[in-house]
N, C-alpha and C. Protein backbone atom coordinates (compact mmCIF):
# COMPACT_ATOMS: atom_id res chain seq x y z
N MET A 1 76.58 -13.69 35.48
CA MET A 1 75.85 -13.68 34.22
C MET A 1 74.96 -14.92 34.11
N TYR A 2 75.59 -16.05 34.00
CA TYR A 2 74.81 -17.28 33.96
C TYR A 2 74.86 -17.94 35.32
N ARG A 3 73.73 -18.12 35.89
CA ARG A 3 73.68 -18.65 37.24
C ARG A 3 73.52 -20.17 37.22
N ILE A 4 73.58 -20.71 38.39
CA ILE A 4 73.45 -22.16 38.57
C ILE A 4 72.08 -22.63 38.06
N PHE A 5 71.06 -21.79 38.24
CA PHE A 5 69.73 -22.17 37.79
C PHE A 5 69.69 -22.39 36.28
N TRP A 6 70.43 -21.61 35.53
CA TRP A 6 70.45 -21.78 34.08
C TRP A 6 71.02 -23.15 33.71
N TRP A 7 72.12 -23.54 34.36
CA TRP A 7 72.73 -24.84 34.09
C TRP A 7 71.80 -25.97 34.51
N PHE A 8 71.15 -25.79 35.65
CA PHE A 8 70.20 -26.80 36.14
C PHE A 8 69.04 -26.95 35.16
N ARG A 9 68.54 -25.83 34.65
CA ARG A 9 67.44 -25.88 33.69
C ARG A 9 67.86 -26.58 32.40
N GLN A 10 69.07 -26.35 31.93
CA GLN A 10 69.55 -27.02 30.72
C GLN A 10 69.66 -28.53 30.93
N VAL A 11 70.13 -28.93 32.10
CA VAL A 11 70.24 -30.36 32.39
C VAL A 11 68.85 -30.99 32.45
N ILE A 12 67.89 -30.31 33.06
CA ILE A 12 66.52 -30.82 33.11
C ILE A 12 65.94 -30.96 31.71
N LEU A 13 66.19 -29.98 30.85
CA LEU A 13 65.68 -30.04 29.48
C LEU A 13 66.34 -31.18 28.70
N ILE A 14 67.62 -31.42 28.92
CA ILE A 14 68.30 -32.53 28.26
C ILE A 14 67.73 -33.86 28.74
N LEU A 15 67.49 -33.97 30.04
CA LEU A 15 66.91 -35.20 30.58
C LEU A 15 65.50 -35.43 30.04
N ALA A 16 64.71 -34.37 29.89
CA ALA A 16 63.38 -34.51 29.30
C ALA A 16 63.48 -34.94 27.85
N GLY A 17 64.45 -34.40 27.12
CA GLY A 17 64.66 -34.82 25.74
C GLY A 17 65.07 -36.27 25.64
N CYS A 18 65.91 -36.72 26.59
CA CYS A 18 66.31 -38.14 26.61
C CYS A 18 65.13 -39.04 26.92
N PHE A 19 64.23 -38.58 27.81
CA PHE A 19 63.03 -39.35 28.10
C PHE A 19 62.18 -39.52 26.84
N PHE A 20 61.95 -38.44 26.12
CA PHE A 20 61.13 -38.53 24.92
C PHE A 20 61.83 -39.31 23.81
N LEU A 21 63.15 -39.27 23.78
CA LEU A 21 63.89 -40.07 22.81
C LEU A 21 63.68 -41.56 23.08
N THR A 22 63.81 -41.96 24.33
CA THR A 22 63.58 -43.37 24.66
C THR A 22 62.12 -43.76 24.49
N PHE A 23 61.21 -42.83 24.77
CA PHE A 23 59.78 -43.09 24.55
C PHE A 23 59.50 -43.32 23.07
N GLY A 24 60.11 -42.52 22.21
CA GLY A 24 59.94 -42.69 20.78
C GLY A 24 60.52 -44.01 20.28
N ILE A 25 61.63 -44.42 20.86
CA ILE A 25 62.23 -45.70 20.48
C ILE A 25 61.32 -46.86 20.91
N HIS A 26 60.72 -46.74 22.09
CA HIS A 26 59.80 -47.78 22.53
C HIS A 26 58.55 -47.85 21.65
N ILE A 27 58.07 -46.71 21.21
CA ILE A 27 56.93 -46.70 20.29
C ILE A 27 57.32 -47.34 18.96
N LEU A 28 58.52 -47.06 18.49
CA LEU A 28 58.99 -47.65 17.24
C LEU A 28 59.08 -49.17 17.35
N ILE A 29 59.60 -49.66 18.45
CA ILE A 29 59.69 -51.11 18.65
C ILE A 29 58.29 -51.72 18.72
N ALA A 30 57.38 -51.03 19.42
CA ALA A 30 56.01 -51.54 19.54
C ALA A 30 55.27 -51.50 18.20
N ALA A 31 55.63 -50.58 17.33
CA ALA A 31 54.96 -50.47 16.03
C ALA A 31 55.19 -51.71 15.18
N TYR A 32 56.36 -52.32 15.32
CA TYR A 32 56.65 -53.51 14.53
C TYR A 32 55.88 -54.74 15.00
N LYS A 33 55.26 -54.67 16.16
CA LYS A 33 54.46 -55.78 16.68
C LYS A 33 52.99 -55.67 16.30
N LEU A 34 52.61 -54.58 15.66
CA LEU A 34 51.21 -54.37 15.28
C LEU A 34 50.86 -55.18 14.04
N LYS A 35 49.63 -55.65 13.99
CA LYS A 35 49.16 -56.46 12.85
C LYS A 35 48.49 -55.62 11.77
N ASP A 36 47.82 -54.55 12.18
CA ASP A 36 47.10 -53.69 11.24
C ASP A 36 48.08 -52.77 10.52
N PRO A 37 48.08 -52.79 9.17
CA PRO A 37 49.04 -51.94 8.44
C PRO A 37 48.84 -50.44 8.69
N TYR A 38 47.58 -50.01 8.81
CA TYR A 38 47.32 -48.60 9.05
C TYR A 38 47.87 -48.17 10.41
N SER A 39 47.65 -48.98 11.41
CA SER A 39 48.17 -48.67 12.75
C SER A 39 49.70 -48.68 12.75
N PHE A 40 50.28 -49.60 11.99
CA PHE A 40 51.74 -49.65 11.91
C PHE A 40 52.29 -48.37 11.30
N ILE A 41 51.71 -47.94 10.19
CA ILE A 41 52.20 -46.72 9.52
C ILE A 41 52.07 -45.50 10.43
N MET A 42 50.93 -45.37 11.10
CA MET A 42 50.72 -44.21 11.97
C MET A 42 51.69 -44.23 13.16
N ALA A 43 51.86 -45.40 13.78
CA ALA A 43 52.79 -45.50 14.92
C ALA A 43 54.23 -45.31 14.47
N PHE A 44 54.58 -45.83 13.30
CA PHE A 44 55.93 -45.71 12.78
C PHE A 44 56.31 -44.25 12.54
N PHE A 45 55.45 -43.52 11.85
CA PHE A 45 55.77 -42.12 11.56
C PHE A 45 55.68 -41.24 12.81
N ALA A 46 54.77 -41.56 13.72
CA ALA A 46 54.69 -40.80 14.96
C ALA A 46 55.96 -40.99 15.80
N SER A 47 56.43 -42.23 15.87
CA SER A 47 57.64 -42.49 16.66
C SER A 47 58.86 -41.82 16.01
N ASN A 48 58.94 -41.85 14.69
CA ASN A 48 60.06 -41.19 14.02
C ASN A 48 60.04 -39.69 14.24
N LEU A 49 58.86 -39.09 14.27
CA LEU A 49 58.75 -37.66 14.54
C LEU A 49 59.18 -37.33 15.96
N ILE A 50 58.75 -38.16 16.92
CA ILE A 50 59.15 -37.95 18.31
C ILE A 50 60.67 -38.08 18.45
N ILE A 51 61.25 -39.08 17.82
CA ILE A 51 62.69 -39.30 17.90
C ILE A 51 63.44 -38.13 17.26
N LEU A 52 62.99 -37.69 16.11
CA LEU A 52 63.67 -36.59 15.41
C LEU A 52 63.63 -35.29 16.21
N ILE A 53 62.47 -34.95 16.74
CA ILE A 53 62.34 -33.69 17.47
C ILE A 53 63.14 -33.74 18.76
N SER A 54 63.05 -34.84 19.50
CA SER A 54 63.77 -34.91 20.78
C SER A 54 65.29 -34.96 20.57
N ALA A 55 65.76 -35.65 19.55
CA ALA A 55 67.20 -35.68 19.28
C ALA A 55 67.71 -34.30 18.87
N THR A 56 66.92 -33.58 18.09
CA THR A 56 67.31 -32.23 17.70
C THR A 56 67.37 -31.29 18.91
N LEU A 57 66.40 -31.41 19.79
CA LEU A 57 66.40 -30.57 20.99
C LEU A 57 67.59 -30.89 21.90
N ILE A 58 67.88 -32.17 22.07
CA ILE A 58 69.04 -32.56 22.89
C ILE A 58 70.32 -31.98 22.28
N PHE A 59 70.47 -32.12 20.97
CA PHE A 59 71.64 -31.59 20.28
C PHE A 59 71.75 -30.07 20.47
N GLY A 60 70.64 -29.37 20.36
CA GLY A 60 70.63 -27.92 20.53
C GLY A 60 70.98 -27.49 21.95
N PHE A 61 70.44 -28.19 22.94
CA PHE A 61 70.75 -27.85 24.33
C PHE A 61 72.22 -28.10 24.66
N VAL A 62 72.75 -29.20 24.16
CA VAL A 62 74.17 -29.50 24.42
C VAL A 62 75.06 -28.46 23.75
N LEU A 63 74.73 -28.10 22.51
CA LEU A 63 75.53 -27.06 21.84
C LEU A 63 75.45 -25.72 22.56
N ARG A 64 74.28 -25.39 23.08
CA ARG A 64 74.13 -24.14 23.82
C ARG A 64 74.98 -24.16 25.09
N MET A 65 75.00 -25.30 25.78
CA MET A 65 75.81 -25.41 27.00
C MET A 65 77.30 -25.30 26.67
N ILE A 66 77.73 -25.90 25.57
CA ILE A 66 79.14 -25.81 25.16
C ILE A 66 79.50 -24.37 24.82
N LYS A 67 78.61 -23.68 24.12
CA LYS A 67 78.86 -22.29 23.75
C LYS A 67 78.99 -21.40 24.97
N VAL A 68 78.09 -21.55 25.93
CA VAL A 68 78.14 -20.74 27.15
C VAL A 68 79.38 -21.08 27.96
N TYR A 69 79.74 -22.36 28.02
CA TYR A 69 80.94 -22.75 28.76
C TYR A 69 82.19 -22.12 28.15
N ARG A 70 82.27 -22.10 26.84
CA ARG A 70 83.43 -21.48 26.18
C ARG A 70 83.47 -19.97 26.42
N ILE A 71 82.30 -19.33 26.42
CA ILE A 71 82.26 -17.89 26.68
C ILE A 71 82.72 -17.61 28.11
N LEU A 72 82.21 -18.39 29.07
CA LEU A 72 82.59 -18.19 30.47
C LEU A 72 84.07 -18.52 30.68
N LYS A 73 84.58 -19.50 29.97
CA LYS A 73 85.98 -19.89 30.10
C LYS A 73 86.89 -18.77 29.57
N ASP A 74 86.48 -18.11 28.48
CA ASP A 74 87.30 -17.04 27.91
C ASP A 74 87.24 -15.77 28.77
N ASP A 75 86.15 -15.55 29.50
CA ASP A 75 86.02 -14.37 30.34
C ASP A 75 86.94 -14.42 31.56
N THR A 76 87.26 -15.62 32.02
CA THR A 76 88.09 -15.72 33.23
C THR A 76 89.56 -15.75 32.94
């Protein structure tokens, strides 16, 4: 039913989400070093959006993997 490729794809998607999560955190840290208030506000909200979306995707992928693991565990 679920092949190795599916698990590999989920791990790749989680790793991509972790990359964007760390990228958003780096943007957030860099935003506090900006002198222009307009640039700070734009970078701050952009980084928070990146962090929120990537954390939600990571959470969703992990929950999906747990759900499939439980289904496969009950089938055997």
